Amino acid sequence: MKVPFSWLFKNIFHLGSGELVGRVCSIVTVVLLGHRYGVVILGVYALAQSVTQYLQPLIDFGLRHVGARLLASYPQAAREIVNRVQRRRLFMAGVVLPLVLIYSVCAKLPVEMKVFLFVFSAVGALYAISLDWAAWGQGKLYLVGLAKSAVPLSILTFLATGRPQGARVLWCAVAGSAFGFFLQGAMSWVWWRRQPLRPAQEGTLSAVRESLAWQRTSIMGLAWFCNLAFNTIDVLMLGLMSDPEQMGLYSAAYRVLNQVLATYYLLTQVLYPQFARHGIEDRARMLRARILLPLFGAGILIAAVLSVSRRTVLTILFGHQFLAACPLLILLVWCIPLDFMTSYLSNAFIAWGMEKKILLCTGIGAASNIVLNLAFIPSFGARGAAVNTLLSYTILLTTLCFVGRTAKELGTRRRPQMEVSPCPDALNCPQR
């Protein structure tokens, strides 16, 4: 199955138009906080955002990717899929709040900032009402992009109009976040209510119920949680083992890295519904060197440019007080080519029903990152976290490459007389 470039660019534009607004708003917000309020405020805000990011995989717990994959494969059962997924997401939103409270109490922050950390993060649980995952599965990427822009645009608007002094700026961010999540949910539900009802056969509904069983979606949930832990556990561990200044410097350097990666993720998100429809031969074609090597080379080029211009970039974005983050940035940018490879492979493997293998790979990557951080953050602070991130990326890419060479889902280890299933979701298809 070939992917037309016109289709690819059109969908990247649809998703990227809203994503661009959200990214610009996020950048302007951290630039504003860095220049006007300093390293400590930026560090606390970045920590709160990191905790909020963890709520999403906990609330979804595999349902976002599995649900989107089912909508791409069984669009006639859309109502059943959405109803079942949303009930579980709302239940998980209530489960995660005590975990947020425990982390907020344990963070090395003043009491008033601990309160802010809990409230801001708890507001993030409103993500559970959004149906952006359903729009993603049905290919409505313009709506997914708009949903992604709602929260950062709202936060920036509240900060710019309120112009608070000192630590009160953090509470303007809370109000903006709450408004943004309500707006995000409202947009997606208005779209969903306009979708036509289509009848589904009992066999299709049975396959949907089987695919959304706890024991199946929890594998995807653990895999995606490990992936997020691999990417962002550094900030949470700095919050427990270091001080707000170290968090602020690390967050500034990581923000630069994250803008590049978030732009690249437009490609992987656009390809996900297409990946979900691939057969064995299509999967093999998407893993050829003529696709992977250009991705790796583009990452090396971007990393080299950022490495050379690191002082200029940090000064323009955050101010001279953040120049101490230059050693962190020069380490983190070399994660870009590695992430270009790991993100592409991870999204493809997930779309092809390889949740158990992704869980193994991301679990190894996250565990290595946590162990390294426990060993080096107490002594080296943010610099130790940056080195650990680069090392753990190398470990994750190695495990993914090994899976790509040995997985039977990719046709690399076929058993004799085995029938190849025509279902694009090989793991979750009903047994015949």
Protein backbone atom coordinates (compact mmCIF):
# COMPACT_ATOMS: atom_id res chain seq x y z
CA MET A 1 0.00 0.00 0.00
CA LYS A 2 1.69 3.17 -1.21
CA VAL A 3 1.23 6.52 0.57
CA PRO A 4 0.70 9.36 -1.96
CA PHE A 5 2.75 12.43 -1.14
CA SER A 6 -0.21 14.70 -1.92
CA TRP A 7 -2.29 12.82 0.69
CA LEU A 8 0.57 12.93 3.17
CA PHE A 9 1.22 16.66 2.83
CA LYS A 10 -2.48 17.52 2.91
CA ASN A 11 -2.99 15.67 6.18
CA ILE A 12 0.20 17.03 7.70
CA PHE A 13 -1.11 20.51 6.86
CA HIS A 14 -4.51 19.75 8.42
CA LEU A 15 -2.95 18.45 11.61
CA GLY A 16 -0.07 20.92 11.60
CA SER A 17 -2.18 24.06 11.22
CA GLY A 18 -3.68 23.63 14.67
CA GLU A 19 -0.55 22.02 16.06
CA LEU A 20 1.46 25.05 14.90
CA VAL A 21 -0.83 27.42 16.80
CA GLY A 22 -0.47 25.29 19.93
CA ARG A 23 3.31 25.06 19.57
CA VAL A 24 3.71 28.79 19.03
CA CYS A 25 1.53 29.52 22.06
CA SER A 26 3.53 27.08 24.20
CA ILE A 27 6.81 28.65 23.09
CA VAL A 28 5.56 32.18 23.73
CA THR A 29 4.30 31.11 27.17
CA VAL A 30 7.64 29.69 28.31
CA VAL A 31 9.52 32.64 26.75
CA LEU A 32 7.25 35.00 28.68
CA LEU A 33 7.73 33.10 31.93
CA GLY A 34 11.49 32.82 31.43
CA HIS A 35 12.11 36.48 30.59
CA ARG A 36 9.61 38.05 33.01
CA TYR A 37 9.51 35.67 35.98
CA GLY A 38 12.84 33.80 35.95
CA VAL A 39 14.22 30.31 36.26
CA VAL A 40 12.27 29.16 39.35
CA ILE A 41 8.79 30.04 38.03
CA LEU A 42 9.59 28.44 34.69
CA GLY A 43 10.86 25.32 36.47
CA VAL A 44 7.69 24.94 38.56
CA TYR A 45 5.45 25.52 35.53
CA ALA A 46 7.43 22.96 33.51
CA LEU A 47 7.10 20.43 36.33
CA ALA A 48 3.32 20.96 36.46
CA GLN A 49 3.08 20.48 32.70
CA SER A 50 5.12 17.28 32.93
CA VAL A 51 2.77 15.86 35.57
CA THR A 52 -0.20 16.80 33.37
CA GLN A 53 1.40 14.95 30.46
CA TYR A 54 1.44 11.80 32.56
CA LEU A 55 -2.30 12.01 33.12
CA GLN A 56 -3.03 11.44 29.46
CA PRO A 57 -1.54 7.93 29.11
CA LEU A 58 -2.99 7.00 32.49
CA ILE A 59 -6.47 8.20 31.48
CA ASP A 60 -6.21 6.58 28.05
CA PHE A 61 -4.26 3.54 29.26
CA GLY A 62 -4.06 2.20 25.75
CA LEU A 63 -7.54 3.31 24.70
CA ARG A 64 -6.38 6.23 22.52
CA HIS A 65 -4.31 4.10 20.17
CA VAL A 66 -6.48 0.98 20.27
CA GLY A 67 -9.65 3.05 19.86
CA ALA A 68 -8.22 5.01 16.93
CA ARG A 69 -7.03 1.79 15.33
CA LEU A 70 -10.48 0.21 15.70
CA LEU A 71 -12.18 3.27 14.21
CA ALA A 72 -9.84 3.05 11.22
CA SER A 73 -10.55 -0.68 10.81
CA TYR A 74 -14.27 -0.78 11.78
CA PRO A 75 -15.82 2.65 11.02
CA GLN A 76 -19.30 1.10 10.96
CA ALA A 77 -18.96 0.36 14.71
CA ALA A 78 -17.94 3.90 15.64
CA ARG A 79 -20.73 4.48 18.17
CA GLU A 80 -19.98 1.30 20.09
CA ILE A 81 -16.26 2.05 20.12
CA VAL A 82 -16.68 5.63 21.35
CA ASN A 83 -19.18 4.74 24.09
CA ARG A 84 -16.99 1.99 25.51
CA VAL A 85 -13.77 3.98 25.33
CA GLN A 86 -15.23 7.11 26.94
CA ARG A 87 -16.69 5.23 29.90
CA ARG A 88 -13.28 3.79 30.67
CA ARG A 89 -11.49 7.12 30.20
CA LEU A 90 -13.77 8.92 32.66
CA PHE A 91 -13.28 6.15 35.21
CA MET A 92 -9.48 6.37 34.88
CA ALA A 93 -9.60 10.17 35.27
CA GLY A 94 -10.96 9.67 38.78
CA VAL A 95 -8.35 7.03 39.58
CA VAL A 96 -5.32 9.20 38.74
CA LEU A 97 -6.14 12.16 41.01
CA PRO A 98 -4.86 10.53 44.24
CA LEU A 99 -1.58 9.77 42.44
CA VAL A 100 -1.22 13.45 41.51
CA LEU A 101 -1.82 14.43 45.14
CA ILE A 102 0.88 12.04 46.39
CA TYR A 103 3.45 13.38 43.93
CA SER A 104 2.59 17.00 44.74
CA VAL A 105 3.12 16.38 48.47
CA CYS A 106 6.50 14.72 47.84
CA ALA A 107 7.87 17.38 45.45
CA LYS A 108 10.73 19.55 46.79
CA LEU A 109 8.75 22.79 46.57
CA PRO A 110 7.33 25.41 48.94
CA VAL A 111 3.81 24.67 50.17
CA GLU A 112 2.08 27.23 47.95
CA MET A 113 3.80 25.80 44.89
CA LYS A 114 2.82 22.27 45.90
CA VAL A 115 -0.80 23.42 45.96
CA PHE A 116 -0.41 24.94 42.50
CA LEU A 117 1.20 21.74 41.22
CA PHE A 118 -1.74 19.63 42.39
CA VAL A 119 -4.48 21.97 41.14
CA PHE A 120 -2.90 22.55 37.72
CA SER A 121 -2.34 18.83 37.25
CA ALA A 122 -5.83 17.90 38.48
CA VAL A 123 -7.35 20.27 35.93
CA GLY A 124 -5.52 18.23 33.29
CA ALA A 125 -7.85 15.31 34.09
CA LEU A 126 -10.48 17.17 32.06
CA TYR A 127 -8.67 15.71 29.07
CA ALA A 128 -10.90 12.65 29.61
CA ILE A 129 -13.93 14.42 28.11
CA SER A 130 -12.21 15.07 24.76
CA LEU A 131 -12.93 12.99 21.65
CA ASP A 132 -9.83 14.06 19.73
CA TRP A 133 -8.74 10.39 19.64
CA ALA A 134 -11.93 9.52 17.72
CA ALA A 135 -11.28 12.29 15.21
CA TRP A 136 -7.74 10.93 14.84
CA GLY A 137 -8.99 7.42 14.11
CA GLN A 138 -11.44 8.70 11.49
CA GLY A 139 -8.78 10.81 9.79
CA LYS A 140 -10.24 14.20 10.83
CA LEU A 141 -6.79 15.62 11.43
CA TYR A 142 -7.82 19.26 11.20
CA LEU A 143 -10.00 18.70 14.29
CA VAL A 144 -7.15 16.94 16.12
CA GLY A 145 -4.92 19.93 15.38
CA LEU A 146 -7.52 22.40 16.65
CA ALA A 147 -7.98 20.35 19.82
CA LYS A 148 -4.22 20.43 20.45
CA SER A 149 -4.17 24.23 20.17
CA ALA A 150 -7.04 24.89 22.59
CA VAL A 151 -5.20 24.51 25.91
CA PRO A 152 -1.90 26.30 25.11
CA LEU A 153 -3.79 29.13 23.37
CA SER A 154 -6.06 29.54 26.37
CA ILE A 155 -3.17 29.54 28.86
CA LEU A 156 -1.28 32.18 26.89
CA THR A 157 -4.41 34.33 26.57
CA PHE A 158 -5.05 34.28 30.32
CA LEU A 159 -1.39 35.12 31.08
CA ALA A 160 -1.26 37.95 28.54
CA THR A 161 -4.55 39.56 29.60
CA GLY A 162 -4.10 39.07 33.34
CA ARG A 163 -0.46 40.32 33.56
CA PRO A 164 -0.12 39.06 37.18
CA GLN A 165 2.85 39.74 39.44
CA GLY A 166 5.16 37.16 41.01
CA ALA A 167 3.91 33.66 41.73
CA ARG A 168 0.31 34.66 41.01
CA VAL A 169 1.11 34.08 37.35
CA LEU A 170 0.85 30.37 38.04
CA TRP A 171 -2.82 30.67 38.99
CA CYS A 172 -3.60 32.47 35.74
CA ALA A 173 -2.13 29.40 34.06
CA VAL A 174 -4.54 27.21 36.05
CA ALA A 175 -7.56 29.24 34.88
CA GLY A 176 -6.35 29.17 31.28
CA SER A 177 -5.80 25.42 31.39
CA ALA A 178 -9.31 24.74 32.73
CA PHE A 179 -10.92 26.90 30.05
CA GLY A 180 -8.82 25.28 27.33
CA PHE A 181 -9.74 21.72 28.30
CA PHE A 182 -13.45 22.60 28.37
CA LEU A 183 -13.11 24.20 24.93
CA GLN A 184 -11.24 21.15 23.62
CA GLY A 185 -13.97 18.81 24.82
CA ALA A 186 -16.77 21.00 23.46
CA MET A 187 -15.25 21.14 19.96
CA SER A 188 -14.84 17.39 19.70
CA TRP A 189 -18.32 16.60 21.02
CA VAL A 190 -20.00 19.06 18.65
CA TRP A 191 -18.25 17.29 15.78
CA TRP A 192 -19.18 13.84 17.08
CA ARG A 193 -22.88 14.63 17.52
CA ARG A 194 -23.05 15.46 13.80
CA GLN A 195 -21.73 12.07 12.71
CA PRO A 196 -24.33 9.80 11.06
CA LEU A 197 -25.40 6.57 12.74
CA ARG A 198 -24.41 3.44 10.83
CA PRO A 199 -25.52 -0.12 11.65
CA ALA A 200 -22.85 -2.64 12.57
CA GLN A 201 -23.04 -6.41 12.33
CA GLU A 202 -22.90 -8.50 15.49
CA GLY A 203 -19.62 -10.06 14.41
CA THR A 204 -18.03 -6.60 14.14
CA LEU A 205 -19.37 -5.55 17.56
CA SER A 206 -18.03 -8.76 19.07
CA ALA A 207 -14.58 -8.05 17.61
CA VAL A 208 -14.71 -4.52 19.04
CA ARG A 209 -15.65 -5.74 22.51
CA GLU A 210 -12.87 -8.32 22.40
CA SER A 211 -10.30 -5.75 21.28
CA LEU A 212 -11.30 -3.32 24.07
CA ALA A 213 -11.06 -5.90 26.85
CA TRP A 214 -8.93 -4.79 29.79
CA GLN A 215 -6.29 -7.45 29.27
CA ARG A 216 -5.68 -6.23 25.71
CA THR A 217 -5.82 -2.45 26.09
CA SER A 218 -3.76 -2.57 29.29
CA ILE A 219 -0.80 -3.89 27.30
CA MET A 220 -0.98 -0.83 25.07
CA GLY A 221 -1.52 1.36 28.14
CA LEU A 222 1.59 0.09 29.87
CA ALA A 223 3.58 0.39 26.64
CA TRP A 224 2.59 4.01 26.07
CA PHE A 225 3.11 4.89 29.72
CA CYS A 226 6.61 3.43 29.55
CA ASN A 227 7.21 5.45 26.41
CA LEU A 228 6.18 8.65 28.18
CA ALA A 229 8.24 7.73 31.22
CA PHE A 230 11.20 7.19 28.93
CA ASN A 231 10.75 10.66 27.41
CA THR A 232 9.85 12.82 30.41
CA ILE A 233 10.74 11.03 33.65
CA ASP A 234 13.81 13.27 33.95
CA VAL A 235 11.75 16.33 34.90
CA LEU A 236 9.68 14.43 37.48
CA MET A 237 12.80 12.95 39.07
CA LEU A 238 14.48 16.36 39.15
CA GLY A 239 11.37 17.60 40.96
CA LEU A 240 11.92 14.99 43.69
CA MET A 241 15.73 14.96 43.83
CA SER A 242 16.86 18.46 42.87
CA ASP A 243 15.81 22.12 43.14
CA PRO A 244 13.58 24.39 40.99
CA GLU A 245 16.62 26.09 39.40
CA GLN A 246 17.92 22.81 38.01
CA MET A 247 14.40 22.03 36.76
CA GLY A 248 14.24 25.43 35.07
CA LEU A 249 17.56 25.02 33.25
CA TYR A 250 16.77 21.49 32.13
CA SER A 251 13.28 22.48 31.02
CA ALA A 252 14.66 25.34 28.92
CA ALA A 253 17.05 23.01 27.09
CA TYR A 254 14.42 20.31 26.69
CA ARG A 255 11.91 22.83 25.32
CA VAL A 256 14.22 23.55 22.40
CA LEU A 257 14.53 19.83 21.71
CA ASN A 258 10.81 19.28 22.11
CA GLN A 259 9.83 21.82 19.45
CA VAL A 260 11.78 19.87 16.84
CA LEU A 261 10.36 16.52 17.97
CA ALA A 262 6.78 17.81 18.15
CA THR A 263 7.03 19.02 14.55
CA TYR A 264 8.31 15.61 13.48
CA TYR A 265 5.49 13.88 15.36
CA LEU A 266 3.06 15.42 12.85
CA LEU A 267 4.40 12.90 10.34
CA THR A 268 4.03 9.89 12.63
CA GLN A 269 0.51 10.88 13.73
CA VAL A 270 -0.64 11.38 10.16
CA LEU A 271 0.73 7.98 9.15
CA TYR A 272 -0.82 6.08 12.08
CA PRO A 273 -4.32 5.43 10.58
CA GLN A 274 -2.61 4.44 7.32
CA PHE A 275 -0.23 2.08 9.16
CA ALA A 276 -3.25 0.42 10.82
CA ARG A 277 -4.51 -0.73 7.40
CA HIS A 278 -1.21 -2.26 6.25
CA GLY A 279 -0.73 -5.89 5.37
CA ILE A 280 2.50 -7.86 5.76
CA GLU A 281 4.04 -6.73 2.48
CA ASP A 282 3.19 -3.06 3.12
CA ARG A 283 4.79 -3.28 6.57
CA ALA A 284 8.06 -4.56 5.15
CA ARG A 285 8.16 -1.72 2.60
CA MET A 286 7.73 0.92 5.32
CA LEU A 287 10.86 -0.37 7.13
CA ARG A 288 13.25 -0.20 4.20
CA ALA A 289 16.52 1.74 4.41
CA ARG A 290 15.37 4.26 1.79
CA ILE A 291 12.80 5.49 4.32
CA LEU A 292 14.70 5.12 7.60
CA LEU A 293 18.10 6.50 6.56
CA PRO A 294 16.77 9.88 5.34
CA LEU A 295 14.94 10.27 8.66
CA PHE A 296 18.16 9.61 10.58
CA GLY A 297 20.16 11.96 8.33
CA ALA A 298 17.65 14.79 8.73
CA GLY A 299 17.89 14.40 12.51
CA ILE A 300 21.70 14.63 12.40
CA LEU A 301 21.53 17.82 10.32
CA ILE A 302 19.06 19.49 12.70
CA ALA A 303 21.11 18.44 15.74
CA ALA A 304 24.28 19.91 14.24
CA VAL A 305 22.61 23.26 13.52
CA LEU A 306 21.15 23.52 17.03
CA SER A 307 24.45 22.49 18.61
CA VAL A 308 26.34 25.29 16.83
CA SER A 309 23.67 27.94 17.56
CA ARG A 310 22.83 26.89 21.13
CA ARG A 311 23.87 30.15 22.84
CA THR A 312 21.90 32.27 20.40
CA VAL A 313 18.82 30.07 20.66
CA LEU A 314 18.75 30.06 24.47
CA THR A 315 19.42 33.79 24.74
CA ILE A 316 16.65 34.71 22.32
CA LEU A 317 14.11 32.31 23.79
CA PHE A 318 14.74 32.63 27.51
CA GLY A 319 17.32 35.34 28.24
CA HIS A 320 20.96 35.49 29.38
CA GLN A 321 20.20 33.88 32.74
CA PHE A 322 19.54 30.60 30.88
CA LEU A 323 22.97 30.39 29.22
CA ALA A 324 23.90 27.92 31.95
CA ALA A 325 21.68 25.46 30.06
CA CYS A 326 24.05 25.40 27.03
CA PRO A 327 25.87 22.20 28.14
CA LEU A 328 22.49 20.53 28.61
CA LEU A 329 21.28 21.55 25.17
CA ILE A 330 24.39 20.34 23.36
CA LEU A 331 23.79 16.88 24.88
CA LEU A 332 20.05 16.75 24.34
CA VAL A 333 20.03 17.80 20.67
CA TRP A 334 21.84 14.60 19.70
CA CYS A 335 18.74 12.73 20.83
CA ILE A 336 16.96 14.14 17.76
CA PRO A 337 18.22 11.62 15.14
CA LEU A 338 17.64 8.79 17.61
CA ASP A 339 14.10 9.99 18.33
CA PHE A 340 13.33 10.32 14.62
CA MET A 341 14.01 6.59 14.36
CA THR A 342 12.39 5.43 17.62
CA SER A 343 9.18 7.42 17.13
CA TYR A 344 8.67 6.19 13.58
CA LEU A 345 9.27 2.55 14.55
CA SER A 346 7.18 2.75 17.73
CA ASN A 347 4.13 4.23 16.00
CA ALA A 348 4.38 1.73 13.16
CA PHE A 349 4.70 -1.25 15.51
CA ILE A 350 1.76 -0.08 17.62
CA ALA A 351 -0.43 0.36 14.54
CA TRP A 352 0.49 -3.18 13.48
CA GLY A 353 -0.73 -4.69 16.75
CA MET A 354 2.68 -5.28 18.34
CA GLU A 355 1.80 -3.87 21.78
CA LYS A 356 3.60 -6.58 23.73
CA LYS A 357 6.85 -6.00 21.89
CA ILE A 358 6.55 -2.22 22.27
CA LEU A 359 5.92 -2.73 25.98
CA LEU A 360 9.13 -4.74 26.24
CA CYS A 361 11.17 -2.15 24.31
CA THR A 362 9.83 0.93 26.08
CA GLY A 363 9.99 -0.84 29.44
CA ILE A 364 13.70 -1.50 28.92
CA GLY A 365 14.25 2.09 27.80
CA ALA A 366 12.31 3.61 30.69
CA ALA A 367 13.94 1.33 33.26
CA SER A 368 17.41 2.22 32.02
CA ASN A 369 16.57 5.92 32.19
CA ILE A 370 15.21 5.65 35.73
CA VAL A 371 18.18 3.63 37.00
CA LEU A 372 20.66 6.03 35.43
CA ASN A 373 18.81 9.04 36.87
CA LEU A 374 18.79 7.52 40.34
CA ALA A 375 22.53 7.03 40.06
CA PHE A 376 23.53 10.40 38.60
CA ILE A 377 20.92 13.10 39.31
CA PRO A 378 21.82 13.40 43.03
CA SER A 379 25.46 14.13 42.13
CA PHE A 380 25.21 15.88 38.75
CA GLY A 381 21.71 17.32 38.69
CA ALA A 382 20.36 18.39 35.29
CA ARG A 383 23.59 17.53 33.46
CA GLY A 384 23.35 13.94 34.65
CA ALA A 385 19.74 13.79 33.43
CA ALA A 386 20.79 15.01 29.97
CA VAL A 387 23.52 12.37 29.62
CA ASN A 388 21.11 9.68 30.80
CA THR A 389 18.54 10.71 28.20
CA LEU A 390 21.06 10.25 25.38
CA LEU A 391 22.16 6.85 26.70
CA SER A 392 18.62 5.56 27.17
CA TYR A 393 17.65 6.64 23.63
CA THR A 394 20.48 4.47 22.32
CA ILE A 395 19.20 1.52 24.35
CA LEU A 396 15.62 1.98 23.12
CA LEU A 397 16.64 2.22 19.46
CA THR A 398 18.71 -0.95 19.80
CA THR A 399 15.77 -2.93 21.19
CA LEU A 400 13.39 -1.62 18.50
CA CYS A 401 15.81 -2.59 15.73
CA PHE A 402 16.08 -6.08 17.20
CA VAL A 403 12.27 -6.39 17.23
CA GLY A 404 12.09 -5.18 13.63
CA ARG A 405 14.40 -7.98 12.54
CA THR A 406 12.70 -10.82 14.46
CA ALA A 407 8.96 -10.07 14.81
CA LYS A 408 6.59 -12.49 13.07
CA GLU A 409 4.06 -9.63 12.62
CA LEU A 410 6.51 -8.17 10.07
CA GLY A 411 6.87 -11.42 8.17
CA THR A 412 10.49 -11.84 9.29
CA ARG A 413 9.89 -15.13 11.09
CA ARG A 414 7.02 -16.96 9.43
CA ARG A 415 6.03 -20.38 10.53
CA PRO A 416 5.30 -22.99 7.84
CA GLN A 417 1.71 -23.39 6.64
CA MET A 418 0.64 -20.34 8.60
CA GLU A 419 -2.21 -18.39 7.07
CA VAL A 420 -1.63 -14.65 6.84
CA SER A 421 -4.65 -12.86 8.25
CA PRO A 422 -6.14 -10.13 6.05
CA CYS A 423 -7.09 -8.15 9.14
CA PRO A 424 -4.84 -5.07 9.60
CA ASP A 425 -5.09 -5.44 13.38
CA ALA A 426 -3.48 -8.86 13.66
CA LEU A 427 -3.32 -8.91 17.45
CA ASN A 428 -6.94 -8.00 18.09
CA CYS A 429 -8.77 -9.80 15.25
CA PRO A 430 -11.22 -12.49 16.39
CA GLN A 431 -9.94 -16.03 16.05
CA ARG A 432 -11.54 -18.07 13.30
